[in-house]
Protein backbone atom coordinates (compact mmCIF):
# COMPACT_ATOMS: atom_id res chain seq x y z
CA UNK A 1 -2.40 -17.26 -4.67
CA UNK A 2 -0.14 -14.30 -3.94
CA UNK A 3 -1.85 -11.24 -2.50
CA UNK A 4 -2.35 -8.21 -4.72
CA UNK A 5 -0.88 -5.02 -3.30
CA UNK A 6 -1.62 -1.40 -4.17
CA UNK A 7 0.71 1.25 -2.82
CA UNK A 8 -0.56 4.82 -2.84
CA UNK A 9 2.34 7.28 -2.82
CA UNK A 10 3.13 10.91 -3.54
CA UNK A 11 6.26 12.64 -4.88
CA UNK A 12 9.02 13.62 -2.44
CA UNK A 13 7.61 11.37 0.29
CA UNK A 14 10.35 9.71 2.33
CA UNK A 15 7.95 7.30 4.05
CA UNK A 16 6.65 6.26 0.61
CA UNK A 17 10.19 5.45 -0.51
CA UNK A 18 10.79 3.43 2.66
CA UNK A 19 7.67 1.32 2.05
CA UNK A 20 8.75 0.70 -1.56
CA UNK A 21 12.22 -0.38 -0.41
CA UNK A 22 10.66 -2.62 2.26
CA UNK A 23 8.44 -4.40 -0.29
CA UNK A 24 11.18 -4.63 -2.92
CA UNK A 25 13.65 -6.07 -0.38
CA UNK A 26 11.16 -8.85 0.29
CA UNK A 27 10.60 -9.30 -3.47
CA UNK A 28 6.91 -8.48 -3.06
CA UNK A 29 5.25 -7.21 -6.22
CA UNK A 30 3.06 -4.13 -5.90
CA UNK A 31 1.26 -1.60 -8.06
CA UNK A 32 2.15 2.00 -7.28
CA UNK A 33 -0.47 4.75 -7.57
CA UNK A 34 0.61 8.39 -7.35
CA UNK A 35 -2.00 10.41 -5.45
CA UNK A 36 -0.81 13.65 -7.02
CA UNK A 37 -3.00 12.47 -9.93
CA UNK A 38 -6.75 12.99 -9.50
CA UNK A 39 -8.02 9.43 -10.09
CA UNK A 40 -5.65 7.62 -7.70
CA UNK A 41 -6.34 10.29 -5.05
CA UNK A 42 -10.11 9.82 -5.50
CA UNK A 43 -9.71 6.03 -5.27
CA UNK A 44 -7.67 6.34 -2.08
CA UNK A 45 -10.27 8.60 -0.45
CA UNK A 46 -13.52 7.12 -1.77
CA UNK A 47 -12.78 3.42 -2.20
CA UNK A 48 -10.21 2.68 0.51
CA UNK A 49 -11.02 5.54 2.92
CA UNK A 50 -7.34 6.42 3.18
CA UNK A 51 -6.23 9.96 3.86
CA UNK A 52 -2.46 9.96 3.50
CA UNK A 53 0.51 8.54 1.70
CA UNK A 54 1.83 5.99 1.94
CA UNK A 55 -1.18 3.74 2.10
CA UNK A 56 -0.77 0.02 1.45
CA UNK A 57 -3.84 -1.92 0.33
CA UNK A 58 -3.46 -5.70 0.54
CA UNK A 59 -6.02 -7.93 -1.19
CA UNK A 60 -6.11 -11.55 -0.01
CA UNK A 61 -8.63 -14.34 -0.15
CA UNK A 62 -9.62 -13.35 3.40
CA UNK A 63 -10.41 -9.76 2.44
CA UNK A 64 -8.83 -6.34 2.03
CA UNK A 65 -6.50 -4.70 4.54
CA UNK A 66 -5.74 -0.96 4.37
CA UNK A 67 -2.60 0.20 6.16
CA UNK A 68 -1.83 3.91 6.36
CA UNK A 69 1.78 4.91 6.95
CA UNK A 70 4.71 2.55 7.28
CA UNK A 71 3.85 -0.30 9.64
CA UNK A 72 6.23 -3.15 8.80
CA UNK A 73 4.89 -5.49 11.49
CA UNK A 74 1.32 -5.12 10.26
CA UNK A 75 2.37 -5.54 6.62
CA UNK A 76 4.31 -8.70 7.49
CA UNK A 77 1.39 -10.04 9.52
CA UNK A 78 -1.09 -9.49 6.69
CA UNK A 79 1.20 -11.07 4.11
CA UNK A 80 1.98 -14.05 6.36
CA UNK A 81 -1.75 -14.67 6.84
CA UNK A 82 -2.39 -14.54 3.08
């Protein structure tokens, strides 16, 4: 089973665009949530305890990993372990 990925972003965020390009280059599907909207922002803060964009949330059979910022090594590690 492929991991499910949520990507919390905000407009005019260069790091957010870099994460999107990184995932797209690897042909990894993700759901983007714009934290300039109230509900995605509340989810990021309350559910995933994230505080900034970009935040990548990776759901696997082993659990949920929350990665704030662009950390390609950590993203690759989590996806390889999935």
